[in-house]
Amino acid sequence: MTATSYPMHVSATLDAPLSRWLWLVKWLLAIPHYVVLAFLWLGFVVATVVAFFAILVTGRYPRAIFDYNVGVMRWSWRVSYYAYSALGTDRYPPFTLDDVPDYPAHLFVDYPAQPLSRGLVLVKWWLLAIPHYVVVGILVGGTTWFGNRSDHGIPWSMGGGGLVGILVVIAGVILLVTGSYPRGLFDVVLGMNRWALRVAAYAGLMTDAYPPFRLDGGGEDPDRVDGGTPTVGGPGAVVSPDAAAR
């Protein structure tokens, strides 16, 4: 792993032009996704409990569960990007756990090539992650982050809160008046979302790599910017040796 890489890879492209007014009703348009995701996240919680015990006994995260959980996070990220965590696109999110190469938001997590620590699984999702929970609570909203966690510390958010919510509202007002989304604002919003999603992957037991205290802004995944591992399957899709062997 490079100095700036992390096993969670989040990328997005700012669509243009964006509708000046559509963002005002996206909360309504996204309701079907919210309903489906409520059930998917329930499955995520159950699957993560199973993965917890599997890691504790074998040191491995069952691959089928891993792929499902990544898919749920990917689906959530697309909806969040469409709605009030970014407002980065007017394209309606697809109903699928799989990556959609031509959709402007992507999320991937490298499957661990090495066994996960059996000891860390007992403490990383609550004790070790506390400093990040504080930061992310500020970035995406304390109520959203802490109030919507399972007992295993799995956060999920369908709408913006905290600093992200404030910045996205500012972006929406600017979009309403000028018809454009400020690039600098977009880069900061993406960096905050990327931070939160990295912590989600760590809390979801998907990696032992501690999330960096670093705001990697912009739509491009840092691995691609820094010439890291070659990517396939869409922006930011870094393939581990284990995944490549599938």
Protein backbone atom coordinates (compact mmCIF):
# COMPACT_ATOMS: atom_id res chain seq x y z
CA MET A 1 0.00 0.00 0.00
CA THR A 2 1.33 3.44 -0.89
CA ALA A 3 1.63 6.21 1.68
CA THR A 4 -1.72 7.64 0.62
CA SER A 5 -3.65 4.50 -0.24
CA TYR A 6 -6.37 2.78 1.76
CA PRO A 7 -8.26 -0.47 1.02
CA MET A 8 -11.50 1.52 0.60
CA HIS A 9 -11.65 3.28 -2.77
CA VAL A 10 -14.23 5.99 -3.40
CA SER A 11 -14.44 8.01 -6.58
CA ALA A 12 -16.98 10.25 -8.25
CA THR A 13 -17.37 12.52 -11.24
CA LEU A 14 -19.21 15.82 -11.00
CA ASP A 15 -21.87 15.83 -13.69
CA ALA A 16 -22.54 18.93 -15.72
CA PRO A 17 -24.85 20.53 -16.36
CA LEU A 18 -26.89 19.94 -13.22
CA SER A 19 -30.51 20.99 -12.84
CA ARG A 20 -30.93 24.16 -10.82
CA TRP A 21 -34.04 22.92 -9.05
CA LEU A 22 -34.04 19.11 -9.04
CA TRP A 23 -32.05 18.95 -5.81
CA LEU A 24 -35.04 20.48 -4.00
CA VAL A 25 -37.09 17.29 -4.54
CA LYS A 26 -34.44 14.58 -4.50
CA TRP A 27 -35.49 13.64 -0.96
CA LEU A 28 -38.81 12.58 -2.47
CA LEU A 29 -37.37 10.89 -5.55
CA ALA A 30 -34.94 8.85 -3.46
CA ILE A 31 -37.60 7.35 -1.17
CA PRO A 32 -37.77 4.02 -3.09
CA HIS A 33 -34.03 3.64 -2.53
CA TYR A 34 -34.35 4.48 1.15
CA VAL A 35 -36.95 1.74 1.59
CA VAL A 36 -34.85 -0.90 -0.16
CA LEU A 37 -31.68 0.17 1.62
CA ALA A 38 -33.35 -0.13 5.01
CA PHE A 39 -33.75 -3.86 4.36
CA LEU A 40 -30.30 -4.18 2.79
CA TRP A 41 -28.69 -2.59 5.83
CA LEU A 42 -30.57 -4.93 8.10
CA GLY A 43 -28.98 -7.76 6.12
CA PHE A 44 -25.64 -5.95 6.39
CA VAL A 45 -25.85 -5.96 10.18
CA VAL A 46 -26.71 -9.65 10.35
CA ALA A 47 -24.00 -10.52 7.82
CA THR A 48 -21.42 -8.51 9.76
CA VAL A 49 -22.23 -10.39 12.96
CA VAL A 50 -21.63 -13.65 11.09
CA ALA A 51 -18.39 -12.23 9.67
CA PHE A 52 -17.33 -11.17 13.17
CA PHE A 53 -17.44 -14.74 14.43
CA ALA A 54 -15.89 -16.09 11.24
CA ILE A 55 -12.93 -13.74 11.64
CA LEU A 56 -12.66 -14.56 15.32
CA VAL A 57 -12.41 -18.29 14.54
CA THR A 58 -10.67 -18.40 11.16
CA GLY A 59 -9.14 -14.96 10.58
CA ARG A 60 -11.03 -14.72 7.29
CA TYR A 61 -13.94 -12.57 6.21
CA PRO A 62 -16.27 -14.90 4.24
CA ARG A 63 -16.02 -13.76 0.64
CA ALA A 64 -19.73 -13.94 -0.17
CA ILE A 65 -20.57 -11.82 2.88
CA PHE A 66 -17.77 -9.39 2.04
CA ASP A 67 -19.08 -8.89 -1.50
CA TYR A 68 -22.63 -8.37 -0.23
CA ASN A 69 -21.58 -5.81 2.38
CA VAL A 70 -19.44 -3.90 -0.11
CA GLY A 71 -22.40 -3.92 -2.47
CA VAL A 72 -24.66 -2.39 0.19
CA MET A 73 -22.13 0.35 0.88
CA ARG A 74 -21.74 0.94 -2.86
CA TRP A 75 -25.51 1.26 -3.34
CA SER A 76 -25.72 3.64 -0.37
CA TRP A 77 -22.87 5.75 -1.74
CA ARG A 78 -24.58 6.12 -5.09
CA VAL A 79 -27.81 7.25 -3.43
CA SER A 80 -25.93 9.59 -1.09
CA TYR A 81 -24.03 11.05 -4.03
CA TYR A 82 -27.28 11.65 -5.90
CA ALA A 83 -28.99 13.08 -2.83
CA TYR A 84 -27.87 15.22 0.05
CA SER A 85 -24.39 13.95 0.79
CA ALA A 86 -23.09 15.48 -2.44
CA LEU A 87 -25.75 16.44 -5.06
CA GLY A 88 -23.08 15.47 -7.58
CA THR A 89 -25.37 14.03 -10.25
CA ASP A 90 -28.95 14.18 -11.49
CA ARG A 91 -28.78 10.64 -12.86
CA TYR A 92 -31.10 8.40 -10.88
CA PRO A 93 -29.14 5.69 -8.99
CA PRO A 94 -29.50 2.12 -10.27
CA PHE A 95 -31.04 -0.56 -8.06
CA THR A 96 -28.07 -2.93 -7.86
CA LEU A 97 -25.30 -4.04 -5.52
CA ASP A 98 -22.87 -4.23 -8.44
CA ASP A 99 -20.71 -1.45 -9.74
CA VAL A 100 -22.18 0.37 -12.71
CA PRO A 101 -19.22 1.58 -14.81
CA ASP A 102 -21.08 4.44 -16.48
CA TYR A 103 -22.58 5.81 -13.26
CA PRO A 104 -20.56 8.75 -11.85
CA ALA A 105 -20.09 7.34 -8.32
CA HIS A 106 -18.03 4.25 -7.47
CA LEU A 107 -16.99 2.40 -4.33
CA PHE A 108 -14.70 -0.61 -3.94
CA VAL A 109 -13.02 -2.33 -1.02
CA ASP A 110 -10.00 -4.58 -1.46
CA TYR A 111 -10.64 -8.09 -0.16
CA PRO A 112 -7.96 -8.78 2.50
CA ALA A 113 -5.13 -10.76 0.92
CA GLN A 114 -3.83 -11.72 4.36
CA PRO A 115 -5.76 -13.12 7.35
CA LEU A 116 -7.40 -10.48 9.52
CA SER A 117 -6.37 -10.14 13.16
CA ARG A 118 -8.55 -12.20 15.50
CA GLY A 119 -7.71 -9.89 18.38
CA LEU A 120 -8.40 -6.61 16.60
CA VAL A 121 -11.87 -7.77 15.58
CA LEU A 122 -12.85 -7.55 19.25
CA VAL A 123 -11.95 -3.88 19.68
CA LYS A 124 -11.45 -2.04 16.40
CA TRP A 125 -15.13 -1.41 15.62
CA TRP A 126 -15.77 0.36 18.92
CA LEU A 127 -12.69 1.23 20.99
CA LEU A 128 -10.05 1.89 18.35
CA ALA A 129 -12.47 3.71 16.07
CA ILE A 130 -13.68 6.20 18.71
CA PRO A 131 -11.37 9.06 17.58
CA HIS A 132 -12.68 8.67 14.03
CA TYR A 133 -16.28 8.50 15.23
CA VAL A 134 -15.80 11.90 16.82
CA VAL A 135 -14.36 13.40 13.65
CA VAL A 136 -16.91 11.77 11.36
CA GLY A 137 -19.70 12.84 13.70
CA ILE A 138 -18.64 16.42 12.98
CA LEU A 139 -18.23 15.83 9.25
CA VAL A 140 -21.49 14.02 8.52
CA GLY A 141 -23.49 14.78 11.65
CA GLY A 142 -23.44 13.22 15.09
CA THR A 143 -27.08 12.16 14.99
CA THR A 144 -26.73 10.57 11.57
CA TRP A 145 -23.48 8.80 12.39
CA PHE A 146 -24.07 7.59 15.93
CA GLY A 147 -27.84 7.24 15.86
CA ASN A 148 -27.87 4.96 12.82
CA ARG A 149 -25.24 2.46 13.91
CA SER A 150 -25.77 -1.16 14.70
CA ASP A 151 -24.33 -2.69 17.84
CA HIS A 152 -21.25 -3.45 15.75
CA GLY A 153 -20.62 0.16 14.87
CA ILE A 154 -21.83 0.10 11.28
CA PRO A 155 -22.73 3.63 10.22
CA TRP A 156 -25.01 4.50 7.35
CA SER A 157 -26.30 7.74 6.00
CA MET A 158 -28.74 8.54 3.24
CA GLY A 159 -28.68 12.28 3.65
CA GLY A 160 -26.14 14.93 4.49
CA GLY A 161 -25.59 16.12 8.04
CA GLY A 162 -22.88 17.99 9.91
CA LEU A 163 -20.40 19.96 7.83
CA VAL A 164 -21.22 17.91 4.74
CA GLY A 165 -24.89 18.84 5.02
CA ILE A 166 -24.08 22.53 5.43
CA LEU A 167 -21.71 22.57 2.46
CA VAL A 168 -24.14 20.64 0.27
CA VAL A 169 -26.94 23.10 1.05
CA ILE A 170 -24.58 25.96 0.15
CA ALA A 171 -23.73 24.16 -3.09
CA GLY A 172 -27.45 23.69 -3.81
CA VAL A 173 -28.18 27.38 -3.30
CA ILE A 174 -25.26 28.35 -5.55
CA LEU A 175 -26.50 25.84 -8.13
CA LEU A 176 -30.00 27.32 -7.93
CA VAL A 177 -28.70 30.84 -8.53
CA THR A 178 -25.83 30.28 -10.95
CA GLY A 179 -26.50 26.87 -12.51
CA SER A 180 -23.07 25.58 -11.55
CA TYR A 181 -21.53 23.58 -8.69
CA PRO A 182 -18.28 25.14 -7.37
CA ARG A 183 -15.43 22.71 -7.98
CA GLY A 184 -13.59 23.59 -4.78
CA LEU A 185 -16.71 22.92 -2.73
CA PHE A 186 -17.22 19.61 -4.51
CA ASP A 187 -13.67 18.52 -3.74
CA VAL A 188 -14.08 19.21 -0.01
CA VAL A 189 -17.47 17.43 0.14
CA LEU A 190 -16.00 14.36 -1.58
CA GLY A 191 -13.08 14.33 0.83
CA MET A 192 -15.39 14.35 3.83
CA ASN A 193 -17.52 11.55 2.40
CA ARG A 194 -14.40 9.53 1.59
CA TRP A 195 -13.20 9.90 5.19
CA ALA A 196 -16.54 8.67 6.55
CA LEU A 197 -16.65 5.71 4.18
CA ARG A 198 -13.12 4.64 5.09
CA VAL A 199 -14.16 4.55 8.73
CA ALA A 200 -17.27 2.58 7.74
CA ALA A 201 -15.10 -0.06 6.08
CA TYR A 202 -12.90 -0.30 9.17
CA ALA A 203 -15.88 -0.46 11.53
CA GLY A 204 -17.43 -3.04 9.23
CA LEU A 205 -14.40 -5.30 9.93
CA MET A 206 -13.38 -5.27 6.26
CA THR A 207 -9.79 -4.25 6.93
CA ASP A 208 -7.26 -4.03 9.75
CA ALA A 209 -5.68 -0.93 8.21
CA TYR A 210 -6.44 2.02 10.47
CA PRO A 211 -8.12 4.87 8.57
CA PRO A 212 -5.84 7.85 8.03
CA PHE A 213 -6.65 11.18 9.64
CA ARG A 214 -6.49 12.84 6.27
CA LEU A 215 -8.92 14.66 4.01
CA ASP A 216 -8.29 13.34 0.49
CA GLY A 217 -10.42 15.74 -1.50
CA GLY A 218 -11.56 15.53 -5.09
CA GLY A 219 -13.44 12.99 -7.10
CA GLU A 220 -10.45 10.82 -8.04
CA ASP A 221 -9.37 8.02 -5.75
CA PRO A 222 -5.89 8.80 -4.34
CA ASP A 223 -4.51 5.47 -5.62
CA ARG A 224 -5.24 6.51 -9.18
CA VAL A 225 -3.85 10.00 -8.68
CA ASP A 226 -0.61 8.69 -7.17
CA GLY A 227 -0.11 6.00 -9.78
CA GLY A 228 -0.95 3.18 -7.41
CA THR A 229 -2.26 -0.27 -8.23
CA PRO A 230 -3.76 -0.49 -11.74
CA THR A 231 -7.53 -0.22 -11.74
CA VAL A 232 -10.21 -2.17 -13.55
CA GLY A 233 -13.99 -2.30 -13.40
CA GLY A 234 -14.52 1.42 -13.08
CA PRO A 235 -12.79 4.38 -11.41
CA GLY A 236 -11.09 3.52 -8.16
CA ALA A 237 -11.48 -0.24 -8.53
CA VAL A 238 -8.19 -1.44 -7.14
CA VAL A 239 -7.88 -5.18 -7.46
CA SER A 240 -5.99 -7.11 -4.81
CA PRO A 241 -4.03 -10.23 -5.78
CA ASP A 242 -6.71 -12.32 -4.09
CA ALA A 243 -9.48 -10.71 -6.12
CA ALA A 244 -7.52 -10.96 -9.35
CA ALA A 245 -7.22 -14.70 -8.86
CA ARG A 246 -10.98 -15.15 -8.83
